[in-house]
Amino acid sequence: MIPVITGDNGELLDRARSSFDGVVVVGYGTGNCPPGIIPAVRRWLDAGKPVVLASRCISGEVSATYAFPGAGGDLIRLGVVPAGPRAPSQARMELAICLSAGVGYGTGE
């Protein structure tokens, strides 16, 4: 899990990419993130590694409500998988199980 912060430029995402098979990005509200992470997210996706987007809000749910650069909707259109109502820790466990079973997160593949 990598929580984003205001002004985030994706450096932690880039550093983690070589060590992990997937990542849960912890955004704000409905999954909104700083636009500076977009290039790093694209590199994960280009490497064929799943990126799951979760909300840090206790009762938050990731959605495609907003479409500005870095918003949940923008990231979902890039190919990021929304965790929906799952807490970041739940999304992380589900991603780990999916990766170990060879099943796509949120796809049933």
N, C-alpha and C. Protein backbone atom coordinates (compact mmCIF):
# COMPACT_ATOMS: atom_id res chain seq x y z
N MET A 1 0.85 -1.18 0.00
CA MET A 1 0.00 0.00 0.00
C MET A 1 0.89 1.23 0.00
N ILE A 2 0.54 2.16 -0.85
CA ILE A 2 1.27 3.43 -0.88
C ILE A 2 0.25 4.56 -0.79
N PRO A 3 0.23 5.25 0.35
CA PRO A 3 -0.66 6.40 0.46
C PRO A 3 -0.05 7.60 -0.26
N VAL A 4 -0.88 8.33 -0.98
CA VAL A 4 -0.39 9.53 -1.65
C VAL A 4 -0.52 10.72 -0.71
N ILE A 5 0.28 11.74 -0.97
CA ILE A 5 0.22 12.97 -0.19
C ILE A 5 0.14 14.15 -1.15
N THR A 6 -0.28 15.28 -0.64
CA THR A 6 -0.35 16.48 -1.47
C THR A 6 1.01 16.76 -2.09
N GLY A 7 1.03 16.99 -3.37
CA GLY A 7 2.26 17.27 -4.09
C GLY A 7 3.06 16.03 -4.47
N ASP A 8 2.49 14.86 -4.23
CA ASP A 8 3.17 13.60 -4.54
C ASP A 8 3.57 13.55 -6.01
N ASN A 9 4.79 13.10 -6.27
CA ASN A 9 5.27 13.02 -7.65
C ASN A 9 5.44 11.58 -8.13
N GLY A 10 4.99 10.60 -7.34
CA GLY A 10 5.06 9.21 -7.74
C GLY A 10 6.38 8.53 -7.46
N GLU A 11 7.28 9.19 -6.75
CA GLU A 11 8.60 8.60 -6.48
C GLU A 11 8.50 7.28 -5.72
N LEU A 12 7.66 7.20 -4.70
CA LEU A 12 7.52 5.94 -3.96
C LEU A 12 6.94 4.84 -4.84
N LEU A 13 5.97 5.20 -5.67
CA LEU A 13 5.42 4.22 -6.61
C LEU A 13 6.50 3.68 -7.54
N ASP A 14 7.33 4.56 -8.05
CA ASP A 14 8.41 4.13 -8.94
C ASP A 14 9.41 3.23 -8.21
N ARG A 15 9.75 3.59 -6.99
CA ARG A 15 10.73 2.79 -6.24
C ARG A 15 10.20 1.40 -5.91
N ALA A 16 8.90 1.29 -5.71
CA ALA A 16 8.30 0.00 -5.32
C ALA A 16 8.08 -0.93 -6.52
N ARG A 17 8.02 -0.39 -7.71
CA ARG A 17 7.63 -1.18 -8.89
C ARG A 17 8.50 -2.40 -9.13
N SER A 18 9.79 -2.30 -8.92
CA SER A 18 10.67 -3.45 -9.20
C SER A 18 10.56 -4.54 -8.13
N SER A 19 10.01 -4.22 -6.99
CA SER A 19 9.95 -5.18 -5.89
C SER A 19 8.60 -5.85 -5.69
N PHE A 20 7.54 -5.34 -6.31
CA PHE A 20 6.21 -5.86 -6.05
C PHE A 20 5.47 -6.17 -7.35
N ASP A 21 4.53 -7.11 -7.25
CA ASP A 21 3.75 -7.53 -8.42
C ASP A 21 2.47 -6.74 -8.59
N GLY A 22 2.11 -5.91 -7.63
CA GLY A 22 0.92 -5.08 -7.68
C GLY A 22 0.98 -4.08 -6.54
N VAL A 23 0.11 -3.09 -6.60
CA VAL A 23 0.13 -2.05 -5.57
C VAL A 23 -1.28 -1.54 -5.31
N VAL A 24 -1.52 -1.15 -4.07
CA VAL A 24 -2.74 -0.45 -3.70
C VAL A 24 -2.34 0.99 -3.43
N VAL A 25 -2.89 1.91 -4.20
CA VAL A 25 -2.67 3.34 -4.00
C VAL A 25 -3.80 3.84 -3.11
N VAL A 26 -3.44 4.53 -2.05
CA VAL A 26 -4.43 5.03 -1.11
C VAL A 26 -4.62 6.52 -1.36
N GLY A 27 -5.77 6.85 -1.97
CA GLY A 27 -6.07 8.23 -2.33
C GLY A 27 -6.99 8.90 -1.33
N TYR A 28 -7.46 10.07 -1.70
CA TYR A 28 -8.38 10.85 -0.87
C TYR A 28 -9.81 10.60 -1.32
N GLY A 29 -10.76 10.80 -0.43
CA GLY A 29 -12.18 10.79 -0.78
C GLY A 29 -12.59 9.66 -1.70
N THR A 30 -12.99 10.00 -2.91
CA THR A 30 -13.45 8.99 -3.87
C THR A 30 -12.30 8.42 -4.72
N GLY A 31 -11.09 8.54 -4.20
CA GLY A 31 -9.92 8.01 -4.90
C GLY A 31 -9.09 9.06 -5.59
N ASN A 32 -9.29 10.30 -5.22
CA ASN A 32 -8.56 11.38 -5.87
C ASN A 32 -7.10 11.39 -5.40
N CYS A 33 -6.20 11.68 -6.34
CA CYS A 33 -4.77 11.67 -6.08
C CYS A 33 -4.13 12.88 -6.75
N PRO A 34 -2.94 13.25 -6.29
CA PRO A 34 -2.22 14.34 -6.97
C PRO A 34 -1.88 13.93 -8.40
N PRO A 35 -2.01 14.84 -9.35
CA PRO A 35 -1.73 14.50 -10.75
C PRO A 35 -0.30 14.07 -10.99
N GLY A 36 0.61 14.41 -10.08
CA GLY A 36 2.01 14.03 -10.25
C GLY A 36 2.27 12.54 -10.22
N ILE A 37 1.30 11.75 -9.75
CA ILE A 37 1.52 10.30 -9.70
C ILE A 37 1.16 9.60 -11.01
N ILE A 38 0.49 10.30 -11.91
CA ILE A 38 0.00 9.67 -13.14
C ILE A 38 1.11 8.98 -13.94
N PRO A 39 2.26 9.61 -14.18
CA PRO A 39 3.29 8.90 -14.94
C PRO A 39 3.76 7.61 -14.26
N ALA A 40 3.87 7.63 -12.93
CA ALA A 40 4.29 6.43 -12.20
C ALA A 40 3.23 5.34 -12.30
N VAL A 41 1.96 5.73 -12.21
CA VAL A 41 0.86 4.76 -12.34
C VAL A 41 0.90 4.14 -13.74
N ARG A 42 1.13 4.94 -14.75
CA ARG A 42 1.21 4.42 -16.12
C ARG A 42 2.35 3.41 -16.26
N ARG A 43 3.47 3.67 -15.59
CA ARG A 43 4.60 2.74 -15.67
C ARG A 43 4.24 1.38 -15.03
N TRP A 44 3.50 1.41 -13.92
CA TRP A 44 3.03 0.16 -13.32
C TRP A 44 2.15 -0.59 -14.31
N LEU A 45 1.20 0.12 -14.88
CA LEU A 45 0.26 -0.51 -15.80
C LEU A 45 0.97 -1.01 -17.06
N ASP A 46 1.91 -0.23 -17.57
CA ASP A 46 2.68 -0.65 -18.75
C ASP A 46 3.50 -1.90 -18.47
N ALA A 47 3.89 -2.08 -17.20
CA ALA A 47 4.66 -3.26 -16.80
C ALA A 47 3.74 -4.47 -16.57
N GLY A 48 2.43 -4.26 -16.75
CA GLY A 48 1.48 -5.36 -16.58
C GLY A 48 1.18 -5.66 -15.12
N LYS A 49 1.44 -4.70 -14.25
CA LYS A 49 1.22 -4.90 -12.82
C LYS A 49 -0.05 -4.15 -12.39
N PRO A 50 -0.94 -4.83 -11.66
CA PRO A 50 -2.19 -4.19 -11.27
C PRO A 50 -1.99 -3.04 -10.27
N VAL A 51 -2.76 -2.00 -10.49
CA VAL A 51 -2.81 -0.87 -9.57
C VAL A 51 -4.25 -0.79 -9.09
N VAL A 52 -4.43 -0.92 -7.78
CA VAL A 52 -5.75 -0.84 -7.16
C VAL A 52 -5.82 0.49 -6.42
N LEU A 53 -6.94 1.17 -6.55
CA LEU A 53 -7.12 2.48 -5.93
C LEU A 53 -8.13 2.38 -4.80
N ALA A 54 -7.71 2.73 -3.59
CA ALA A 54 -8.57 2.70 -2.41
C ALA A 54 -8.66 4.10 -1.81
N SER A 55 -9.67 4.32 -0.99
CA SER A 55 -9.85 5.59 -0.30
C SER A 55 -9.34 5.49 1.13
N ARG A 56 -8.73 6.57 1.62
CA ARG A 56 -8.27 6.59 3.00
C ARG A 56 -9.40 6.95 3.96
N CYS A 57 -10.54 7.35 3.43
CA CYS A 57 -11.68 7.73 4.27
C CYS A 57 -12.34 6.49 4.86
N ILE A 58 -12.72 6.56 6.11
CA ILE A 58 -13.30 5.41 6.80
C ILE A 58 -14.50 4.84 6.05
N SER A 59 -15.37 5.70 5.59
CA SER A 59 -16.53 5.21 4.85
C SER A 59 -16.49 5.68 3.39
N GLY A 60 -15.28 5.91 2.89
CA GLY A 60 -15.12 6.36 1.51
C GLY A 60 -15.22 5.22 0.53
N GLU A 61 -15.62 5.55 -0.67
CA GLU A 61 -15.71 4.55 -1.74
C GLU A 61 -15.16 5.15 -3.01
N VAL A 62 -14.25 4.43 -3.64
CA VAL A 62 -13.65 4.90 -4.89
C VAL A 62 -14.71 4.89 -5.98
N SER A 63 -14.74 6.00 -6.73
CA SER A 63 -15.69 6.09 -7.84
C SER A 63 -15.10 6.96 -8.93
N ALA A 64 -15.80 6.99 -10.05
CA ALA A 64 -15.36 7.79 -11.19
C ALA A 64 -16.09 9.13 -11.23
N THR A 65 -16.43 9.67 -10.07
CA THR A 65 -17.21 10.89 -9.99
C THR A 65 -16.50 12.08 -10.63
N TYR A 66 -15.23 12.25 -10.34
CA TYR A 66 -14.49 13.41 -10.85
C TYR A 66 -13.54 12.98 -11.96
N ALA A 67 -13.25 13.89 -12.87
CA ALA A 67 -12.42 13.54 -14.03
C ALA A 67 -11.19 14.43 -14.20
N PHE A 68 -10.86 15.25 -13.21
CA PHE A 68 -9.66 16.08 -13.35
C PHE A 68 -8.42 15.18 -13.28
N PRO A 69 -7.27 15.65 -13.77
CA PRO A 69 -6.07 14.82 -13.75
C PRO A 69 -5.74 14.35 -12.33
N GLY A 70 -5.67 13.04 -12.16
CA GLY A 70 -5.38 12.45 -10.86
C GLY A 70 -6.62 12.06 -10.08
N ALA A 71 -7.80 12.46 -10.55
CA ALA A 71 -9.04 12.11 -9.87
C ALA A 71 -9.33 10.63 -10.04
N GLY A 72 -10.19 10.09 -9.19
CA GLY A 72 -10.55 8.68 -9.28
C GLY A 72 -10.99 8.29 -10.68
N GLY A 73 -11.85 9.09 -11.30
CA GLY A 73 -12.33 8.80 -12.65
C GLY A 73 -11.21 8.78 -13.68
N ASP A 74 -10.29 9.71 -13.55
CA ASP A 74 -9.16 9.79 -14.47
C ASP A 74 -8.29 8.53 -14.35
N LEU A 75 -8.01 8.12 -13.11
CA LEU A 75 -7.17 6.95 -12.89
C LEU A 75 -7.86 5.67 -13.34
N ILE A 76 -9.17 5.57 -13.12
CA ILE A 76 -9.91 4.40 -13.56
C ILE A 76 -9.86 4.29 -15.08
N ARG A 77 -9.98 5.42 -15.78
CA ARG A 77 -9.90 5.40 -17.24
C ARG A 77 -8.52 4.95 -17.72
N LEU A 78 -7.49 5.18 -16.92
CA LEU A 78 -6.14 4.73 -17.28
C LEU A 78 -6.00 3.21 -17.15
N GLY A 79 -6.87 2.60 -16.34
CA GLY A 79 -6.79 1.16 -16.13
C GLY A 79 -6.60 0.75 -14.68
N VAL A 80 -6.61 1.73 -13.79
CA VAL A 80 -6.52 1.43 -12.36
C VAL A 80 -7.85 0.78 -11.94
N VAL A 81 -7.77 -0.20 -11.06
CA VAL A 81 -8.96 -0.91 -10.61
C VAL A 81 -9.44 -0.30 -9.29
N PRO A 82 -10.69 0.15 -9.24
CA PRO A 82 -11.20 0.74 -8.00
C PRO A 82 -11.46 -0.33 -6.94
N ALA A 83 -11.11 -0.05 -5.71
CA ALA A 83 -11.36 -0.97 -4.61
C ALA A 83 -12.79 -0.86 -4.11
N GLY A 84 -13.54 0.08 -4.66
CA GLY A 84 -14.93 0.27 -4.22
C GLY A 84 -14.98 0.62 -2.75
N PRO A 85 -15.82 -0.06 -1.96
CA PRO A 85 -15.95 0.29 -0.54
C PRO A 85 -14.90 -0.37 0.35
N ARG A 86 -13.98 -1.16 -0.22
CA ARG A 86 -12.99 -1.84 0.61
C ARG A 86 -12.01 -0.86 1.22
N ALA A 87 -11.66 -1.10 2.47
CA ALA A 87 -10.60 -0.34 3.13
C ALA A 87 -9.28 -0.69 2.44
N PRO A 88 -8.29 0.20 2.53
CA PRO A 88 -7.00 -0.10 1.89
C PRO A 88 -6.42 -1.45 2.33
N SER A 89 -6.53 -1.78 3.61
CA SER A 89 -5.98 -3.06 4.08
C SER A 89 -6.74 -4.24 3.49
N GLN A 90 -8.05 -4.10 3.30
CA GLN A 90 -8.83 -5.16 2.66
C GLN A 90 -8.44 -5.30 1.19
N ALA A 91 -8.27 -4.18 0.52
CA ALA A 91 -7.87 -4.21 -0.89
C ALA A 91 -6.50 -4.85 -1.05
N ARG A 92 -5.60 -4.57 -0.12
CA ARG A 92 -4.26 -5.16 -0.16
C ARG A 92 -4.32 -6.67 -0.01
N MET A 93 -5.10 -7.15 0.95
CA MET A 93 -5.23 -8.59 1.15
C MET A 93 -5.86 -9.26 -0.08
N GLU A 94 -6.90 -8.63 -0.61
CA GLU A 94 -7.56 -9.20 -1.77
C GLU A 94 -6.60 -9.23 -2.97
N LEU A 95 -5.82 -8.17 -3.15
CA LEU A 95 -4.85 -8.14 -4.25
C LEU A 95 -3.81 -9.23 -4.05
N ALA A 96 -3.30 -9.41 -2.83
CA ALA A 96 -2.31 -10.45 -2.57
C ALA A 96 -2.87 -11.84 -2.88
N ILE A 97 -4.11 -12.09 -2.50
CA ILE A 97 -4.75 -13.38 -2.77
C ILE A 97 -4.91 -13.58 -4.28
N CYS A 98 -5.38 -12.53 -4.96
CA CYS A 98 -5.56 -12.63 -6.42
C CYS A 98 -4.23 -12.90 -7.13
N LEU A 99 -3.18 -12.19 -6.72
CA LEU A 99 -1.88 -12.38 -7.35
C LEU A 99 -1.37 -13.79 -7.11
N SER A 100 -1.53 -14.30 -5.88
CA SER A 100 -1.01 -15.64 -5.58
C SER A 100 -1.82 -16.73 -6.29
N ALA A 101 -3.09 -16.43 -6.59
CA ALA A 101 -3.94 -17.42 -7.28
C ALA A 101 -3.92 -17.25 -8.79
N GLY A 102 -3.23 -16.21 -9.27
CA GLY A 102 -3.19 -15.96 -10.71
C GLY A 102 -4.49 -15.44 -11.26
N VAL A 103 -5.27 -14.76 -10.41
CA VAL A 103 -6.58 -14.24 -10.80
C VAL A 103 -6.49 -12.71 -10.84
N GLY A 104 -7.07 -12.09 -11.86
CA GLY A 104 -7.05 -10.64 -11.96
C GLY A 104 -7.90 -9.99 -10.87
N TYR A 105 -7.40 -8.96 -10.25
CA TYR A 105 -8.12 -8.26 -9.19
C TYR A 105 -9.38 -7.62 -9.77
N GLY A 106 -10.51 -7.94 -9.19
CA GLY A 106 -11.76 -7.30 -9.60
C GLY A 106 -12.28 -7.73 -10.95
N THR A 107 -11.64 -8.73 -11.57
CA THR A 107 -12.08 -9.13 -12.90
C THR A 107 -12.64 -10.54 -12.94
N GLY A 108 -12.28 -11.34 -11.95
CA GLY A 108 -12.73 -12.72 -11.95
C GLY A 108 -11.99 -13.59 -12.95
N GLU A 109 -10.94 -13.04 -13.58
CA GLU A 109 -10.17 -13.79 -14.59
C GLU A 109 -9.24 -14.79 -13.93
